[in-house]
């Protein structure tokens, strides 16, 4: 195999590793958003099933109905950058070339 061909394959591998890393990060962020929305929907369903909720049945809701209040009430946190156990692929092994 020629040196030029090996170099081209190493370049392609490097771009592929970068793409996998970006896709992993995107999938992780989307999973965090899904989990947040799930918790928010669950809180809204609980409010609806308990009757008036904290808004007293008024249109527009009260200050306790803001998404950030729901997030705090349900123990949610801002989506972080830690890898999700099901999605973290980790960095691709690098060759010593």
PDB file of N, CA and C in Angstrom:
ATOM      1  N   UNK A   1       0.859  -1.170   0.000  1.00  0.00           N
ATOM      2  CA  UNK A   1       0.000   0.000   0.000  1.00  0.00           C
ATOM      3  C   UNK A   1       0.905   1.232   0.000  1.00  0.00           C
ATOM      4  N   UNK A   2       0.586   2.198  -0.817  1.00  0.00           N
ATOM      5  CA  UNK A   2       1.437   3.379  -0.928  1.00  0.00           C
ATOM      6  C   UNK A   2       1.252   4.306   0.275  1.00  0.00           C
ATOM      7  N   UNK A   3       2.282   5.099   0.525  1.00  0.00           N
ATOM      8  CA  UNK A   3       2.259   6.047   1.648  1.00  0.00           C
ATOM      9  C   UNK A   3       1.121   7.060   1.484  1.00  0.00           C
ATOM     10  N   UNK A   4       0.882   7.503   0.239  1.00  0.00           N
ATOM     11  CA  UNK A   4      -0.188   8.477  -0.022  1.00  0.00           C
ATOM     12  C   UNK A   4      -1.560   7.873   0.301  1.00  0.00           C
ATOM     13  N   UNK A   5      -1.759   6.634  -0.062  1.00  0.00           N
ATOM     14  CA  UNK A   5      -3.037   5.964   0.208  1.00  0.00           C
ATOM     15  C   UNK A   5      -3.251   5.815   1.712  1.00  0.00           C
ATOM     16  N   UNK A   6      -2.221   5.457   2.436  1.00  0.00           N
ATOM     17  CA  UNK A   6      -2.315   5.324   3.893  1.00  0.00           C
ATOM     18  C   UNK A   6      -2.659   6.677   4.518  1.00  0.00           C
ATOM     19  N   UNK A   7      -2.007   7.732   4.048  1.00  0.00           N
ATOM     20  CA  UNK A   7      -2.278   9.073   4.563  1.00  0.00           C
ATOM     21  C   UNK A   7      -3.733   9.469   4.309  1.00  0.00           C
ATOM     22  N   UNK A   8      -4.236   9.191   3.110  1.00  0.00           N
ATOM     23  CA  UNK A   8      -5.625   9.509   2.785  1.00  0.00           C
ATOM     24  C   UNK A   8      -6.597   8.725   3.673  1.00  0.00           C
ATOM     25  N   UNK A   9      -6.299   7.467   3.939  1.00  0.00           N
ATOM     26  CA  UNK A   9      -7.158   6.669   4.811  1.00  0.00           C
ATOM     27  C   UNK A   9      -7.133   7.197   6.245  1.00  0.00           C
ATOM     28  N   UNK A  10      -5.970   7.626   6.711  1.00  0.00           N
ATOM     29  CA  UNK A  10      -5.872   8.201   8.050  1.00  0.00           C
ATOM     30  C   UNK A  10      -6.674   9.495   8.151  1.00  0.00           C
ATOM     31  N   UNK A  11      -6.663  10.292   7.109  1.00  0.00           N
ATOM     32  CA  UNK A  11      -7.444  11.539   7.089  1.00  0.00           C
ATOM     33  C   UNK A  11      -8.935  11.218   7.146  1.00  0.00           C
ATOM     34  N   UNK A  12      -9.364  10.256   6.328  1.00  0.00           N
ATOM     35  CA  UNK A  12     -10.776   9.852   6.334  1.00  0.00           C
ATOM     36  C   UNK A  12     -11.184   9.315   7.703  1.00  0.00           C
ATOM     37  N   UNK A  13     -10.317   8.527   8.311  1.00  0.00           N
ATOM     38  CA  UNK A  13     -10.595   7.990   9.641  1.00  0.00           C
ATOM     39  C   UNK A  13     -10.748   9.114  10.659  1.00  0.00           C
ATOM     40  N   UNK A  14      -9.894  10.098  10.580  1.00  0.00           N
ATOM     41  CA  UNK A  14      -9.963  11.224  11.495  1.00  0.00           C
ATOM     42  C   UNK A  14     -11.291  11.975  11.358  1.00  0.00           C
ATOM     43  N   UNK A  15     -11.718  12.225  10.121  1.00  0.00           N
ATOM     44  CA  UNK A  15     -13.003  12.895   9.896  1.00  0.00           C
ATOM     45  C   UNK A  15     -14.158  12.029  10.395  1.00  0.00           C
ATOM     46  N   UNK A  16     -14.066  10.730  10.204  1.00  0.00           N
ATOM     47  CA  UNK A  16     -15.113   9.818  10.654  1.00  0.00           C
ATOM     48  C   UNK A  16     -15.209   9.823  12.181  1.00  0.00           C
ATOM     49  N   UNK A  17     -14.069   9.801  12.858  1.00  0.00           N
ATOM     50  CA  UNK A  17     -14.061   9.857  14.321  1.00  0.00           C
ATOM     51  C   UNK A  17     -14.699  11.149  14.811  1.00  0.00           C
ATOM     52  N   UNK A  18     -14.402  12.267  14.154  1.00  0.00           N
ATOM     53  CA  UNK A  18     -14.982  13.553  14.527  1.00  0.00           C
ATOM     54  C   UNK A  18     -16.497  13.535  14.340  1.00  0.00           C
ATOM     55  N   UNK A  19     -16.953  12.980  13.236  1.00  0.00           N
ATOM     56  CA  UNK A  19     -18.386  12.894  12.968  1.00  0.00           C
ATOM     57  C   UNK A  19     -19.092  12.042  14.021  1.00  0.00           C
ATOM     58  N   UNK A  20     -18.497  10.918  14.387  1.00  0.00           N
ATOM     59  CA  UNK A  20     -19.086  10.051  15.408  1.00  0.00           C
ATOM     60  C   UNK A  20     -19.182  10.797  16.733  1.00  0.00           C
ATOM     61  N   UNK A  21     -18.161  11.540  17.091  1.00  0.00           N
ATOM     62  CA  UNK A  21     -18.169  12.324  18.333  1.00  0.00           C
ATOM     63  C   UNK A  21     -19.297  13.357  18.314  1.00  0.00           C
ATOM     64  N   UNK A  22     -19.473  14.055  17.198  1.00  0.00           N
ATOM     65  CA  UNK A  22     -20.532  15.066  17.088  1.00  0.00           C
ATOM     66  C   UNK A  22     -21.911  14.407  17.141  1.00  0.00           C
ATOM     67  N   UNK A  23     -22.076  13.278  16.478  1.00  0.00           N
ATOM     68  CA  UNK A  23     -23.358  12.571  16.511  1.00  0.00           C
ATOM     69  C   UNK A  23     -23.671  12.080  17.920  1.00  0.00           C
ATOM     70  N   UNK A  24     -22.672  11.602  18.621  1.00  0.00           N
ATOM     71  CA  UNK A  24     -22.843  11.154  19.996  1.00  0.00           C
ATOM     72  C   UNK A  24     -23.299  12.316  20.875  1.00  0.00           C
ATOM     73  N   UNK A  25     -22.673  13.462  20.716  1.00  0.00           N
ATOM     74  CA  UNK A  25     -23.046  14.644  21.501  1.00  0.00           C
ATOM     75  C   UNK A  25     -24.481  15.075  21.186  1.00  0.00           C
ATOM     76  N   UNK A  26     -24.854  15.053  19.921  1.00  0.00           N
ATOM     77  CA  UNK A  26     -26.215  15.418  19.515  1.00  0.00           C
ATOM     78  C   UNK A  26     -27.231  14.447  20.104  1.00  0.00           C
ATOM     79  N   UNK A  27     -26.953  13.163  20.028  1.00  0.00           N
ATOM     80  CA  UNK A  27     -27.863  12.163  20.581  1.00  0.00           C
ATOM     81  C   UNK A  27     -28.008  12.344  22.082  1.00  0.00           C
ATOM     82  N   UNK A  28     -26.919  12.644  22.775  1.00  0.00           N
ATOM     83  CA  UNK A  28     -26.967  12.861  24.221  1.00  0.00           C
ATOM     84  C   UNK A  28     -27.832  14.073  24.560  1.00  0.00           C
ATOM     85  N   UNK A  29     -27.631  15.176  23.850  1.00  0.00           N
ATOM     86  CA  UNK A  29     -28.426  16.385  24.111  1.00  0.00           C
ATOM     87  C   UNK A  29     -29.905  16.136  23.841  1.00  0.00           C
ATOM     88  N   UNK A  30     -30.212  15.409  22.785  1.00  0.00           N
ATOM     89  CA  UNK A  30     -31.609  15.100  22.485  1.00  0.00           C
ATOM     90  C   UNK A  30     -32.217  14.214  23.569  1.00  0.00           C
ATOM     91  N   UNK A  31     -31.449  13.269  24.087  1.00  0.00           N
ATOM     92  CA  UNK A  31     -31.936  12.415  25.168  1.00  0.00           C
ATOM     93  C   UNK A  31     -32.227  13.254  26.409  1.00  0.00           C
ATOM     94  N   UNK A  32     -31.375  14.218  26.710  1.00  0.00           N
ATOM     95  CA  UNK A  32     -31.613  15.103  27.853  1.00  0.00           C
ATOM     96  C   UNK A  32     -32.906  15.897  27.657  1.00  0.00           C
ATOM     97  N   UNK A  33     -33.133  16.392  26.452  1.00  0.00           N
ATOM     98  CA  UNK A  33     -34.353  17.142  26.166  1.00  0.00           C
ATOM     99  C   UNK A  33     -35.582  16.251  26.302  1.00  0.00           C
ATOM    100  N   UNK A  34     -35.498  15.025  25.816  1.00  0.00           N
ATOM    101  CA  UNK A  34     -36.614  14.081  25.926  1.00  0.00           C
ATOM    102  C   UNK A  34     -36.928  13.806  27.393  1.00  0.00           C
ATOM    103  N   UNK A  35     -35.900  13.578  28.192  1.00  0.00           N
ATOM    104  CA  UNK A  35     -36.109  13.308  29.610  1.00  0.00           C
ATOM    105  C   UNK A  35     -36.734  14.507  30.307  1.00  0.00           C
ATOM    106  N   UNK A  36     -36.297  15.725  29.986  1.00  0.00           N
ATOM    107  CA  UNK A  36     -36.880  16.924  30.569  1.00  0.00           C
ATOM    108  C   UNK A  36     -38.352  17.043  30.186  1.00  0.00           C
ATOM    109  N   UNK A  37     -38.656  16.864  28.903  1.00  0.00           N
ATOM    110  CA  UNK A  37     -40.041  16.979  28.435  1.00  0.00           C
ATOM    111  C   UNK A  37     -40.929  15.904  29.062  1.00  0.00           C
ATOM    112  N   UNK A  38     -40.378  14.716  29.246  1.00  0.00           N
ATOM    113  CA  UNK A  38     -41.130  13.648  29.902  1.00  0.00           C
ATOM    114  C   UNK A  38     -41.500  14.052  31.330  1.00  0.00           C
ATOM    115  N   UNK A  39     -40.518  14.577  32.078  1.00  0.00           N
ATOM    116  CA  UNK A  39     -40.784  15.006  33.458  1.00  0.00           C
ATOM    117  C   UNK A  39     -41.804  16.141  33.485  1.00  0.00           C
ATOM    118  N   UNK A  40     -41.678  17.072  32.543  1.00  0.00           N
ATOM    119  CA  UNK A  40     -42.605  18.200  32.489  1.00  0.00           C
ATOM    120  C   UNK A  40     -44.024  17.710  32.174  1.00  0.00           C
ATOM    121  N   UNK A  41     -44.173  16.813  31.219  1.00  0.00           N
ATOM    122  CA  UNK A  41     -45.477  16.269  30.872  1.00  0.00           C
ATOM    123  C   UNK A  41     -46.079  15.514  32.051  1.00  0.00           C
ATOM    124  N   UNK A  42     -45.264  14.762  32.751  1.00  0.00           N
ATOM    125  CA  UNK A  42     -45.733  14.016  33.917  1.00  0.00           C
ATOM    126  C   UNK A  42     -46.262  14.972  34.979  1.00  0.00           C
ATOM    127  N   UNK A  43     -45.550  16.076  35.218  1.00  0.00           N
ATOM    128  CA  UNK A  43     -45.998  17.061  36.203  1.00  0.00           C
ATOM    129  C   UNK A  43     -47.309  17.707  35.773  1.00  0.00           C
ATOM    130  N   UNK A  44     -47.436  17.994  34.497  1.00  0.00           N
ATOM    131  CA  UNK A  44     -48.674  18.603  33.987  1.00  0.00           C
ATOM    132  C   UNK A  44     -49.837  17.626  34.143  1.00  0.00           C
ATOM    133  N   UNK A  45     -49.608  16.343  33.842  1.00  0.00           N
ATOM    134  CA  UNK A  45     -50.663  15.338  34.003  1.00  0.00           C
ATOM    135  C   UNK A  45     -51.073  15.212  35.466  1.00  0.00           C
ATOM    136  N   UNK A  46     -50.091  15.261  36.371  1.00  0.00           N
ATOM    137  CA  UNK A  46     -50.403  15.180  37.800  1.00  0.00           C
ATOM    138  C   UNK A  46     -51.222  16.388  38.234  1.00  0.00           C
ATOM    139  N   UNK A  47     -50.869  17.563  37.724  1.00  0.00           N
ATOM    140  CA  UNK A  47     -51.643  18.767  38.042  1.00  0.00           C
ATOM    141  C   UNK A  47     -53.069  18.627  37.549  1.00  0.00           C
ATOM    142  N   UNK A  48     -53.240  18.143  36.324  1.00  0.00           N
ATOM    143  CA  UNK A  48     -54.568  18.019  35.741  1.00  0.00           C
ATOM    144  C   UNK A  48     -55.410  16.999  36.509  1.00  0.00           C
ATOM    145  N   UNK A  49     -54.791  15.906  36.944  1.00  0.00           N
ATOM    146  CA  UNK A  49     -55.552  14.872  37.640  1.00  0.00           C
ATOM    147  C   UNK A  49     -55.887  15.277  39.074  1.00  0.00           C
ATOM    148  N   UNK A  50     -55.128  16.216  39.649  1.00  0.00           N
ATOM    149  CA  UNK A  50     -55.394  16.643  41.027  1.00  0.00           C
ATOM    150  C   UNK A  50     -56.408  17.779  41.085  1.00  0.00           C
ATOM    151  N   UNK A  51     -56.871  18.235  39.955  1.00  0.00           N
ATOM    152  CA  UNK A  51     -57.885  19.291  39.954  1.00  0.00           C
ATOM    153  C   UNK A  51     -57.331  20.590  39.452  1.00  0.00           C
ATOM    154  N   UNK A  52     -57.356  21.581  40.324  1.00  0.00           N
ATOM    155  CA  UNK A  52     -57.015  22.938  39.882  1.00  0.00           C
ATOM    156  C   UNK A  52     -55.525  23.172  39.752  1.00  0.00           C
ATOM    157  N   UNK A  53     -54.697  22.406  40.394  1.00  0.00           N
ATOM    158  CA  UNK A  53     -53.250  22.666  40.334  1.00  0.00           C
ATOM    159  C   UNK A  53     -52.927  23.952  41.058  1.00  0.00           C
ATOM    160  N   UNK A  54     -51.782  24.522  40.790  1.00  0.00           N
ATOM    161  CA  UNK A  54     -51.379  25.747  41.482  1.00  0.00           C
ATOM    162  C   UNK A  54     -51.898  27.000  40.803  1.00  0.00           C
ATOM    163  N   UNK A  55     -52.560  26.872  39.651  1.00  0.00           N
ATOM    164  CA  UNK A  55     -53.034  28.060  38.946  1.00  0.00           C
ATOM    165  C   UNK A  55     -54.425  28.460  39.395  1.00  0.00           C
ATOM    166  N   UNK A  56     -55.081  27.606  40.195  1.00  0.00           N
ATOM    167  CA  UNK A  56     -56.422  27.928  40.633  1.00  0.00           C
ATOM    168  C   UNK A  56     -57.418  27.876  39.489  1.00  0.00           C
ATOM    169  N   UNK A  57     -57.083  27.220  38.402  1.00  0.00           N
ATOM    170  CA  UNK A  57     -57.976  27.091  37.274  1.00  0.00           C
ATOM    171  C   UNK A  57     -58.044  28.327  36.401  1.00  0.00           C
ATOM    172  N   UNK A  58     -57.217  29.313  36.670  1.00  0.00           N
ATOM    173  CA  UNK A  58     -57.235  30.544  35.887  1.00  0.00           C
ATOM    174  C   UNK A  58     -56.447  30.350  34.603  1.00  0.00           C
ATOM    175  N   UNK A  59     -56.917  30.962  33.502  1.00  0.00           N
ATOM    176  CA  UNK A  59     -56.137  30.880  32.261  1.00  0.00           C
ATOM    177  C   UNK A  59     -54.765  31.509  32.451  1.00  0.00           C
ATOM    178  N   UNK A  60     -53.784  30.925  31.852  1.00  0.00           N
ATOM    179  CA  UNK A  60     -52.434  31.469  31.948  1.00  0.00           C
ATOM    180  C   UNK A  60     -51.637  30.887  33.083  1.00  0.00           C
ATOM    181  N   UNK A  61     -52.313  30.295  34.061  1.00  0.00           N
ATOM    182  CA  UNK A  61     -51.603  29.667  35.168  1.00  0.00           C
ATOM    183  C   UNK A  61     -50.986  30.686  36.108  1.00  0.00           C
ATOM    184  N   UNK A  62     -50.400  30.161  37.163  1.00  0.00           N
ATOM    185  CA  UNK A  62     -49.747  31.013  38.139  1.00  0.00           C
ATOM    186  C   UNK A  62     -48.256  30.905  38.003  1.00  0.00           C
ATOM    187  N   UNK A  63     -47.518  31.599  38.890  1.00  0.00           N
ATOM    188  CA  UNK A  63     -46.060  31.573  38.784  1.00  0.00           C
ATOM    189  C   UNK A  63     -45.475  30.185  38.983  1.00  0.00           C
ATOM    190  N   UNK A  64     -46.189  29.310  39.692  1.00  0.00           N
ATOM    191  CA  UNK A  64     -45.696  27.949  39.897  1.00  0.00           C
ATOM    192  C   UNK A  64     -45.827  27.073  38.672  1.00  0.00           C
ATOM    193  N   UNK A  65     -46.489  27.560  37.615  1.00  0.00           N
ATOM    194  CA  UNK A  65     -46.701  26.771  36.416  1.00  0.00           C
ATOM    195  C   UNK A  65     -45.660  27.022  35.335  1.00  0.00           C
ATOM    196  N   UNK A  66     -44.725  27.922  35.586  1.00  0.00           N
ATOM    197  CA  UNK A  66     -43.692  28.184  34.591  1.00  0.00           C
ATOM    198  C   UNK A  66     -42.842  26.933  34.422  1.00  0.00           C
ATOM    199  N   UNK A  67     -42.344  26.684  33.205  1.00  0.00           N
ATOM    200  CA  UNK A  67     -41.518  25.484  32.987  1.00  0.00           C
ATOM    201  C   UNK A  67     -40.324  25.398  33.925  1.00  0.00           C
ATOM    202  N   UNK A  68     -39.707  26.557  34.273  1.00  0.00           N
ATOM    203  CA  UNK A  68     -38.547  26.480  35.170  1.00  0.00           C
ATOM    204  C   UNK A  68     -38.982  26.062  36.572  1.00  0.00           C
ATOM    205  N   UNK A  69     -40.204  26.447  36.979  1.00  0.00           N
ATOM    206  CA  UNK A  69     -40.706  26.017  38.280  1.00  0.00           C
ATOM    207  C   UNK A  69     -41.013  24.524  38.252  1.00  0.00           C
ATOM    208  N   UNK A  70     -41.596  24.049  37.159  1.00  0.00           N
ATOM    209  CA  UNK A  70     -41.851  22.614  37.022  1.00  0.00           C
ATOM    210  C   UNK A  70     -40.548  21.839  37.039  1.00  0.00           C
ATOM    211  N   UNK A  71     -39.553  22.385  36.391  1.00  0.00           N
ATOM    212  CA  UNK A  71     -38.256  21.721  36.333  1.00  0.00           C
ATOM    213  C   UNK A  71     -37.676  21.591  37.737  1.00  0.00           C
ATOM    214  N   UNK A  72     -37.712  22.669  38.523  1.00  0.00           N
ATOM    215  CA  UNK A  72     -37.183  22.617  39.887  1.00  0.00           C
ATOM    216  C   UNK A  72     -37.995  21.658  40.745  1.00  0.00           C
ATOM    217  N   UNK A  73     -39.321  21.694  40.604  1.00  0.00           N
ATOM    218  CA  UNK A  73     -40.195  20.864  41.417  1.00  0.00           C
ATOM    219  C   UNK A  73     -39.936  19.384  41.154  1.00  0.00           C
ATOM    220  N   UNK A  74     -39.562  19.029  39.950  1.00  0.00           N
ATOM    221  CA  UNK A  74     -39.347  17.637  39.595  1.00  0.00           C
ATOM    222  C   UNK A  74     -37.895  17.211  39.693  1.00  0.00           C
ATOM    223  N   UNK A  75     -37.047  18.039  40.261  1.00  0.00           N
ATOM    224  CA  UNK A  75     -35.654  17.670  40.456  1.00  0.00           C
ATOM    225  C   UNK A  75     -34.845  17.635  39.188  1.00  0.00           C
ATOM    226  N   UNK A  76     -35.320  18.286  38.147  1.00  0.00           N
ATOM    227  CA  UNK A  76     -34.583  18.285  36.885  1.00  0.00           C
ATOM    228  C   UNK A  76     -33.448  19.287  36.955  1.00  0.00           C
ATOM    229  N   UNK A  77     -32.483  19.116  36.125  1.00  0.00           N
ATOM    230  CA  UNK A  77     -31.386  20.064  36.048  1.00  0.00           C
ATOM    231  C   UNK A  77     -31.163  20.420  34.593  1.00  0.00           C
ATOM    232  N   UNK A  78     -30.395  21.459  34.388  1.00  0.00           N
ATOM    233  CA  UNK A  78     -30.077  21.859  33.019  1.00  0.00           C
ATOM    234  C   UNK A  78     -29.336  20.731  32.328  1.00  0.00           C
ATOM    235  N   UNK A  79     -29.611  20.523  31.047  1.00  0.00           N
ATOM    236  CA  UNK A  79     -28.846  19.488  30.346  1.00  0.00           C
ATOM    237  C   UNK A  79     -27.358  19.792  30.419  1.00  0.00           C
ATOM    238  N   UNK A  80     -26.610  18.831  30.895  1.00  0.00           N
ATOM    239  CA  UNK A  80     -25.177  19.035  31.054  1.00  0.00           C
ATOM    240  C   UNK A  80     -24.402  18.383  29.925  1.00  0.00           C
ATOM    241  N   UNK A  81     -23.122  18.268  30.144  1.00  0.00           N
ATOM    242  CA  UNK A  81     -22.272  17.693  29.117  1.00  0.00           C
ATOM    243  C   UNK A  81     -21.726  16.333  29.516  1.00  0.00           C
ATOM    244  N   UNK A  82     -22.211  15.795  30.645  1.00  0.00           N
ATOM    245  CA  UNK A  82     -21.710  14.475  31.009  1.00  0.00           C
ATOM    246  C   UNK A  82     -22.315  13.444  30.085  1.00  0.00           C
ATOM    247  N   UNK A  83     -21.574  12.435  29.706  1.00  0.00           N
ATOM    248  CA  UNK A  83     -22.096  11.442  28.773  1.00  0.00           C
ATOM    249  C   UNK A  83     -23.197  10.613  29.410  1.00  0.00           C
ATOM    250  N   UNK A  84     -24.212  10.324  28.667  1.00  0.00           N
ATOM    251  CA  UNK A  84     -25.301   9.471  29.106  1.00  0.00           C
ATOM    252  C   UNK A  84     -24.840   8.029  28.987  1.00  0.00           C
ATOM    253  N   UNK A  85     -25.145   7.224  29.980  1.00  0.00           N
ATOM    254  CA  UNK A  85     -24.603   5.856  29.996  1.00  0.00           C
ATOM    255  C   UNK A  85     -25.003   5.032  28.786  1.00  0.00           C
ATOM    256  N   UNK A  86     -26.194   5.274  28.242  1.00  0.00           N
ATOM    257  CA  UNK A  86     -26.631   4.477  27.101  1.00  0.00           C
ATOM    258  C   UNK A  86     -26.111   5.022  25.779  1.00  0.00           C
ATOM    259  N   UNK A  87     -25.659   6.270  25.778  1.00  0.00           N
ATOM    260  CA  UNK A  87     -25.276   6.892  24.527  1.00  0.00           C
ATOM    261  C   UNK A  87     -23.787   7.190  24.414  1.00  0.00           C
ATOM    262  N   UNK A  88     -23.102   7.168  25.519  1.00  0.00           N
ATOM    263  CA  UNK A  88     -21.691   7.549  25.493  1.00  0.00           C
ATOM    264  C   UNK A  88     -20.877   6.489  24.769  1.00  0.00           C
ATOM    265  N   UNK A  89     -20.344   6.853  23.659  1.00  0.00           N
ATOM    266  CA  UNK A  89     -19.512   5.924  22.912  1.00  0.00           C
ATOM    267  C   UNK A  89     -18.048   6.092  23.286  1.00  0.00           C
ATOM    268  N   UNK A  90     -17.753   7.251  23.835  1.00  0.00           N
ATOM    269  CA  UNK A  90     -16.377   7.544  24.191  1.00  0.00           C
ATOM    270  C   UNK A  90     -15.561   7.877  22.953  1.00  0.00           C
ATOM    271  N   UNK A  91     -14.405   8.404  23.165  1.00  0.00           N
ATOM    272  CA  UNK A  91     -13.578   8.752  22.014  1.00  0.00           C
ATOM    273  C   UNK A  91     -13.109   7.487  21.304  1.00  0.00           C
ATOM    274  N   UNK A  92     -13.034   7.586  20.016  1.00  0.00           N
ATOM    275  CA  UNK A  92     -12.545   6.464  19.232  1.00  0.00           C
ATOM    276  C   UNK A  92     -11.069   6.267  19.528  1.00  0.00           C
ATOM    277  N   UNK A  93     -10.620   5.035  19.565  1.00  0.00           N
ATOM    278  CA  UNK A  93      -9.211   4.803  19.828  1.00  0.00           C
ATOM    279  C   UNK A  93      -8.351   5.439  18.722  1.00  0.00           C
ATOM    280  N   UNK A  94      -7.328   6.095  19.153  1.00  0.00           N
ATOM    281  CA  UNK A  94      -6.419   6.752  18.183  1.00  0.00           C
ATOM    282  C   UNK A  94      -5.234   5.848  17.921  1.00  0.00           C
ATOM    283  N   UNK A  95      -4.848   5.808  16.681  1.00  0.00           N
ATOM    284  CA  UNK A  95      -3.662   5.017  16.358  1.00  0.00           C
ATOM    285  C   UNK A  95      -2.427   5.851  16.688  1.00  0.00           C
ATOM    286  N   UNK A  96      -1.369   5.200  16.948  1.00  0.00           N
ATOM    287  CA  UNK A  96      -0.145   5.898  17.348  1.00  0.00           C
ATOM    288  C   UNK A  96       0.635   6.442  16.189  1.00  0.00           C
ATOM    289  N   UNK A  97      -0.005   6.683  15.030  1.00  0.00           N
ATOM    290  CA  UNK A  97       0.708   7.139  13.821  1.00  0.00           C
ATOM    291  C   UNK A  97       0.899   8.616  13.848  1.00  0.00           C
TER     292      UNK A  97
END
